[in-house]
């Protein structure tokens, strides 16, 4: 499921382990071109989680992630609004704002995606 994928991705990307990630707070679909040139429909769901103060870890990163990721840290909404860095999804602040206004909102953000071949 998307929730299971988000739990797995959260641990792989940050080292943070949770058992339950809750319900998705946003979803998007778009065409994505893979490295080999194949185009797929990417279906993403976004979740909010509340970390317990664990430090971020890169231990679960692949060699490619280590090569392409330039920074790994927590961002405030103000920092995201001011940054000139590329952040995906492009509307992350809007998604985060809507999610944080929900009565069941937590304070950290995780996403899962699954490329699906079109057709």
N, C-alpha and C. Protein backbone atom coordinates (compact mmCIF):
# COMPACT_ATOMS: atom_id res chain seq x y z
N UNK A 1 0.84 -1.19 0.00
CA UNK A 1 0.00 0.00 0.00
C UNK A 1 0.88 1.24 0.00
N UNK A 2 0.29 2.38 -0.31
CA UNK A 2 1.02 3.63 -0.23
C UNK A 2 1.52 3.90 1.19
N UNK A 3 0.68 3.61 2.18
CA UNK A 3 1.08 3.84 3.58
C UNK A 3 2.28 2.97 3.94
N UNK A 4 2.29 1.72 3.53
CA UNK A 4 3.43 0.85 3.80
C UNK A 4 4.68 1.35 3.09
N UNK A 5 4.52 1.82 1.86
CA UNK A 5 5.65 2.37 1.12
C UNK A 5 6.19 3.63 1.80
N UNK A 6 5.30 4.46 2.32
CA UNK A 6 5.74 5.69 3.00
C UNK A 6 6.50 5.36 4.28
N UNK A 7 6.05 4.36 5.04
CA UNK A 7 6.76 3.93 6.25
C UNK A 7 8.15 3.45 5.87
N UNK A 8 8.24 2.63 4.81
CA UNK A 8 9.54 2.11 4.35
C UNK A 8 10.44 3.25 3.87
N UNK A 9 9.90 4.15 3.04
CA UNK A 9 10.69 5.26 2.51
C UNK A 9 11.16 6.20 3.62
N UNK A 10 10.30 6.46 4.60
CA UNK A 10 10.68 7.31 5.72
C UNK A 10 11.90 6.74 6.42
N UNK A 11 11.91 5.42 6.66
CA UNK A 11 13.06 4.81 7.31
C UNK A 11 14.29 4.84 6.41
N UNK A 12 14.12 4.50 5.12
CA UNK A 12 15.26 4.49 4.21
C UNK A 12 15.87 5.87 4.03
N UNK A 13 15.03 6.89 3.92
CA UNK A 13 15.51 8.24 3.61
C UNK A 13 15.96 9.03 4.84
N UNK A 14 15.39 8.72 6.01
CA UNK A 14 15.69 9.53 7.20
C UNK A 14 16.19 8.72 8.39
N UNK A 15 16.00 7.40 8.37
CA UNK A 15 16.34 6.58 9.52
C UNK A 15 15.24 6.53 10.57
N UNK A 16 14.16 7.27 10.37
CA UNK A 16 13.07 7.34 11.34
C UNK A 16 12.13 6.15 11.14
N UNK A 17 11.84 5.44 12.22
CA UNK A 17 10.96 4.28 12.16
C UNK A 17 9.62 4.61 12.83
N UNK A 18 8.55 4.35 12.11
CA UNK A 18 7.20 4.46 12.65
C UNK A 18 6.44 3.20 12.26
N UNK A 19 5.41 2.88 13.00
CA UNK A 19 4.59 1.71 12.68
C UNK A 19 3.38 2.09 11.84
N UNK A 20 2.79 3.25 12.12
CA UNK A 20 1.58 3.68 11.42
C UNK A 20 1.78 5.11 10.94
N UNK A 21 1.47 5.36 9.69
CA UNK A 21 1.71 6.68 9.11
C UNK A 21 0.43 7.49 8.92
N UNK A 22 -0.71 6.88 9.20
CA UNK A 22 -1.97 7.61 9.07
C UNK A 22 -2.49 7.63 7.66
N UNK A 23 -3.32 8.62 7.39
CA UNK A 23 -3.97 8.73 6.08
C UNK A 23 -3.24 9.74 5.21
N UNK A 24 -3.32 9.60 3.89
CA UNK A 24 -2.66 10.57 3.01
C UNK A 24 -3.32 11.95 3.15
N UNK A 25 -2.48 12.99 3.05
CA UNK A 25 -2.99 14.36 3.13
C UNK A 25 -3.00 15.03 1.76
N UNK A 26 -2.37 14.39 0.77
CA UNK A 26 -2.37 14.92 -0.60
C UNK A 26 -1.98 13.79 -1.55
N UNK A 27 -2.33 13.98 -2.83
CA UNK A 27 -1.99 13.02 -3.86
C UNK A 27 -1.78 13.78 -5.16
N UNK A 28 -0.89 13.26 -6.01
CA UNK A 28 -0.72 13.84 -7.35
C UNK A 28 -0.28 12.74 -8.30
N UNK A 29 -0.63 12.91 -9.57
CA UNK A 29 -0.20 12.03 -10.65
C UNK A 29 0.43 12.88 -11.73
N UNK A 30 1.51 12.38 -12.34
CA UNK A 30 2.17 13.11 -13.42
C UNK A 30 3.00 12.14 -14.25
N UNK A 31 3.36 12.56 -15.45
CA UNK A 31 4.22 11.77 -16.32
C UNK A 31 5.66 11.99 -15.90
N UNK A 32 6.39 10.90 -15.72
CA UNK A 32 7.78 10.94 -15.28
C UNK A 32 8.62 10.19 -16.29
N UNK A 33 9.73 10.78 -16.71
CA UNK A 33 10.64 10.09 -17.62
C UNK A 33 11.75 9.46 -16.80
N UNK A 34 11.90 8.13 -16.92
CA UNK A 34 12.93 7.41 -16.20
C UNK A 34 14.28 7.61 -16.86
N UNK A 35 15.34 7.22 -16.18
CA UNK A 35 16.70 7.38 -16.69
C UNK A 35 16.87 6.72 -18.05
N UNK A 36 16.21 5.58 -18.27
CA UNK A 36 16.35 4.86 -19.55
C UNK A 36 15.48 5.45 -20.66
N UNK A 37 14.75 6.54 -20.36
CA UNK A 37 13.91 7.20 -21.36
C UNK A 37 12.46 6.79 -21.33
N UNK A 38 12.13 5.68 -20.62
CA UNK A 38 10.74 5.25 -20.54
C UNK A 38 9.92 6.29 -19.77
N UNK A 39 8.71 6.55 -20.27
CA UNK A 39 7.80 7.46 -19.58
C UNK A 39 6.76 6.64 -18.83
N UNK A 40 6.54 7.00 -17.58
CA UNK A 40 5.56 6.31 -16.75
C UNK A 40 4.68 7.34 -16.07
N UNK A 41 3.53 6.91 -15.60
CA UNK A 41 2.67 7.75 -14.80
C UNK A 41 3.08 7.55 -13.34
N UNK A 42 3.52 8.60 -12.69
CA UNK A 42 3.88 8.53 -11.28
C UNK A 42 2.65 8.90 -10.45
N UNK A 43 2.34 8.09 -9.49
CA UNK A 43 1.21 8.30 -8.60
C UNK A 43 1.78 8.46 -7.19
N UNK A 44 1.70 9.66 -6.63
CA UNK A 44 2.30 9.95 -5.33
C UNK A 44 1.22 10.27 -4.29
N UNK A 45 1.47 9.85 -3.06
CA UNK A 45 0.64 10.24 -1.94
C UNK A 45 1.56 10.78 -0.86
N UNK A 46 1.08 11.78 -0.12
CA UNK A 46 1.87 12.45 0.91
C UNK A 46 1.21 12.24 2.27
N UNK A 47 2.05 12.04 3.28
CA UNK A 47 1.59 11.75 4.63
C UNK A 47 2.30 12.66 5.62
N UNK A 48 1.66 12.94 6.73
CA UNK A 48 2.29 13.65 7.84
C UNK A 48 2.59 12.64 8.94
N UNK A 49 3.77 12.76 9.54
CA UNK A 49 4.13 11.91 10.68
C UNK A 49 4.76 12.79 11.76
N UNK A 50 4.73 12.30 12.98
CA UNK A 50 5.32 13.03 14.09
C UNK A 50 6.56 12.28 14.58
N UNK A 51 7.76 12.77 14.24
CA UNK A 51 8.98 12.08 14.70
C UNK A 51 9.15 12.32 16.21
N UNK A 52 9.89 11.44 16.83
CA UNK A 52 10.10 11.53 18.27
C UNK A 52 11.45 12.16 18.61
N UNK A 53 12.00 12.98 17.71
CA UNK A 53 13.27 13.64 17.98
C UNK A 53 14.49 12.87 17.51
N UNK A 54 14.27 11.80 16.74
CA UNK A 54 15.40 11.02 16.23
C UNK A 54 16.24 11.87 15.29
N UNK A 55 17.56 11.71 15.32
CA UNK A 55 18.39 12.41 14.34
C UNK A 55 18.19 11.82 12.95
N UNK A 56 18.38 12.64 11.92
CA UNK A 56 18.29 12.15 10.55
C UNK A 56 19.50 11.28 10.24
N UNK A 57 19.28 10.25 9.42
CA UNK A 57 20.35 9.33 9.05
C UNK A 57 20.34 9.11 7.55
N UNK A 58 21.54 8.97 6.98
CA UNK A 58 21.69 8.64 5.56
C UNK A 58 22.03 7.16 5.37
N UNK A 59 21.99 6.38 6.43
CA UNK A 59 22.43 4.98 6.38
C UNK A 59 21.65 4.15 5.36
N UNK A 60 20.40 4.49 5.09
CA UNK A 60 19.60 3.72 4.15
C UNK A 60 19.66 4.21 2.72
N UNK A 61 20.49 5.23 2.45
CA UNK A 61 20.56 5.79 1.11
C UNK A 61 21.31 4.87 0.16
N UNK A 62 20.86 4.87 -1.11
CA UNK A 62 21.59 4.15 -2.16
C UNK A 62 22.79 4.99 -2.59
N UNK A 63 23.69 4.38 -3.34
CA UNK A 63 24.85 5.11 -3.85
C UNK A 63 24.42 6.29 -4.72
N UNK A 64 23.37 6.09 -5.53
CA UNK A 64 22.87 7.17 -6.38
C UNK A 64 22.31 8.32 -5.54
N UNK A 65 21.58 8.00 -4.48
CA UNK A 65 21.04 9.05 -3.61
C UNK A 65 22.16 9.85 -2.95
N UNK A 66 23.20 9.16 -2.50
CA UNK A 66 24.33 9.85 -1.89
C UNK A 66 24.97 10.80 -2.91
N UNK A 67 25.01 10.37 -4.17
CA UNK A 67 25.62 11.18 -5.22
C UNK A 67 24.79 12.41 -5.57
N UNK A 68 23.47 12.30 -5.60
CA UNK A 68 22.64 13.41 -6.09
C UNK A 68 22.03 14.28 -5.00
N UNK A 69 21.93 13.78 -3.78
CA UNK A 69 21.32 14.58 -2.70
C UNK A 69 22.35 15.56 -2.16
N UNK A 70 21.97 16.83 -2.11
CA UNK A 70 22.90 17.84 -1.65
C UNK A 70 22.73 18.20 -0.19
N UNK A 71 21.54 17.96 0.36
CA UNK A 71 21.31 18.35 1.74
C UNK A 71 20.24 17.46 2.36
N UNK A 72 20.37 17.23 3.64
CA UNK A 72 19.48 16.34 4.36
C UNK A 72 19.26 16.96 5.74
N UNK A 73 18.15 17.65 5.91
CA UNK A 73 17.89 18.32 7.18
C UNK A 73 16.42 18.67 7.27
N UNK A 74 15.98 19.10 8.47
CA UNK A 74 14.63 19.60 8.65
C UNK A 74 14.56 21.03 8.16
N UNK A 75 13.46 21.41 7.55
CA UNK A 75 13.23 22.78 7.09
C UNK A 75 11.99 23.33 7.79
N UNK A 76 12.03 24.59 8.14
CA UNK A 76 10.82 25.25 8.61
C UNK A 76 10.03 25.70 7.38
N UNK A 77 8.77 26.02 7.58
CA UNK A 77 7.97 26.54 6.47
C UNK A 77 8.59 27.85 5.97
N UNK A 78 9.08 28.69 6.85
CA UNK A 78 9.69 29.96 6.45
C UNK A 78 10.93 29.72 5.60
N UNK A 79 11.74 28.73 5.97
CA UNK A 79 12.93 28.41 5.18
C UNK A 79 12.55 27.90 3.80
N UNK A 80 11.52 27.07 3.73
CA UNK A 80 11.07 26.58 2.43
C UNK A 80 10.56 27.72 1.56
N UNK A 81 9.88 28.67 2.17
CA UNK A 81 9.35 29.81 1.41
C UNK A 81 10.48 30.69 0.87
N UNK A 82 11.59 30.77 1.58
CA UNK A 82 12.69 31.66 1.19
C UNK A 82 13.73 31.00 0.29
N UNK A 83 13.80 29.69 0.28
CA UNK A 83 14.91 29.03 -0.39
C UNK A 83 14.90 29.23 -1.91
N UNK A 84 16.07 29.28 -2.47
CA UNK A 84 16.24 29.30 -3.92
C UNK A 84 16.59 27.90 -4.44
N UNK A 85 16.70 26.94 -3.53
CA UNK A 85 16.97 25.55 -3.89
C UNK A 85 15.74 24.94 -4.57
N UNK A 86 15.96 23.91 -5.35
CA UNK A 86 14.87 23.18 -5.98
C UNK A 86 14.25 22.24 -4.95
N UNK A 87 12.96 22.34 -4.77
CA UNK A 87 12.23 21.49 -3.82
C UNK A 87 11.06 20.87 -4.57
N UNK A 88 10.90 19.54 -4.41
CA UNK A 88 9.76 18.87 -5.03
C UNK A 88 8.91 18.24 -3.96
N UNK A 89 7.61 18.21 -4.15
CA UNK A 89 6.90 18.80 -5.28
C UNK A 89 6.93 20.32 -5.19
N UNK A 90 6.73 20.95 -6.33
CA UNK A 90 6.82 22.40 -6.42
C UNK A 90 5.83 23.10 -5.50
N UNK A 91 4.71 22.47 -5.24
CA UNK A 91 3.68 23.06 -4.38
C UNK A 91 3.74 22.50 -2.96
N UNK A 92 4.92 22.12 -2.51
CA UNK A 92 5.08 21.53 -1.19
C UNK A 92 4.53 22.41 -0.08
N UNK A 93 4.78 23.71 -0.15
CA UNK A 93 4.28 24.60 0.89
C UNK A 93 2.76 24.60 0.95
N UNK A 94 2.10 24.59 -0.20
CA UNK A 94 0.63 24.55 -0.22
C UNK A 94 0.13 23.23 0.36
N UNK A 95 0.76 22.12 -0.01
CA UNK A 95 0.37 20.82 0.52
C UNK A 95 0.56 20.80 2.04
N UNK A 96 1.71 21.28 2.48
CA UNK A 96 2.02 21.30 3.90
C UNK A 96 1.05 22.19 4.68
N UNK A 97 0.77 23.37 4.13
CA UNK A 97 -0.16 24.28 4.79
C UNK A 97 -1.54 23.67 4.94
N UNK A 98 -2.04 23.03 3.89
CA UNK A 98 -3.35 22.40 3.95
C UNK A 98 -3.34 21.23 4.94
N UNK A 99 -2.26 20.46 4.93
CA UNK A 99 -2.18 19.32 5.82
C UNK A 99 -2.09 19.74 7.28
N UNK A 100 -1.33 20.78 7.56
CA UNK A 100 -1.16 21.24 8.94
C UNK A 100 -2.42 21.90 9.48
N UNK A 101 -3.31 22.32 8.60
CA UNK A 101 -4.55 22.92 9.07
C UNK A 101 -5.59 21.86 9.42
N UNK A 102 -5.30 20.61 9.11
CA UNK A 102 -6.21 19.52 9.47
C UNK A 102 -6.17 19.29 10.97
N UNK A 103 -7.27 18.91 11.58
CA UNK A 103 -7.29 18.70 13.02
C UNK A 103 -6.40 17.55 13.48
N UNK A 104 -6.13 16.57 12.60
CA UNK A 104 -5.32 15.41 12.98
C UNK A 104 -3.86 15.55 12.52
N UNK A 105 -3.42 16.78 12.20
CA UNK A 105 -2.09 17.00 11.64
C UNK A 105 -0.98 16.74 12.66
N UNK A 106 0.14 16.24 12.14
CA UNK A 106 1.36 16.06 12.92
C UNK A 106 2.39 17.05 12.37
N UNK A 107 3.66 16.85 12.65
CA UNK A 107 4.63 17.90 12.35
C UNK A 107 5.74 17.54 11.37
N UNK A 108 5.73 16.40 10.76
CA UNK A 108 6.76 16.03 9.81
C UNK A 108 6.09 15.50 8.55
N UNK A 109 6.80 15.50 7.44
CA UNK A 109 6.21 15.20 6.15
C UNK A 109 6.92 14.02 5.52
N UNK A 110 6.18 13.09 4.95
CA UNK A 110 6.76 11.96 4.23
C UNK A 110 5.94 11.72 2.98
N UNK A 111 6.57 11.20 1.95
CA UNK A 111 5.82 10.89 0.73
C UNK A 111 6.18 9.50 0.25
N UNK A 112 5.29 8.93 -0.51
CA UNK A 112 5.60 7.69 -1.20
C UNK A 112 5.15 7.84 -2.63
N UNK A 113 5.85 7.20 -3.52
CA UNK A 113 5.41 7.24 -4.90
C UNK A 113 5.63 5.88 -5.52
N UNK A 114 4.94 5.68 -6.61
CA UNK A 114 5.01 4.42 -7.30
C UNK A 114 4.85 4.71 -8.78
N UNK A 115 5.93 4.53 -9.55
CA UNK A 115 5.78 4.72 -10.99
C UNK A 115 4.95 3.58 -11.58
N UNK A 116 4.01 3.93 -12.43
CA UNK A 116 3.13 2.96 -13.07
C UNK A 116 3.19 3.19 -14.57
N UNK A 117 3.42 2.14 -15.31
CA UNK A 117 3.48 2.29 -16.76
C UNK A 117 2.14 2.77 -17.29
N UNK A 118 2.15 3.76 -18.21
CA UNK A 118 0.88 4.27 -18.75
C UNK A 118 0.22 3.23 -19.64
N UNK A 119 -1.11 3.38 -19.76
CA UNK A 119 -1.83 2.56 -20.70
C UNK A 119 -2.69 1.59 -20.02
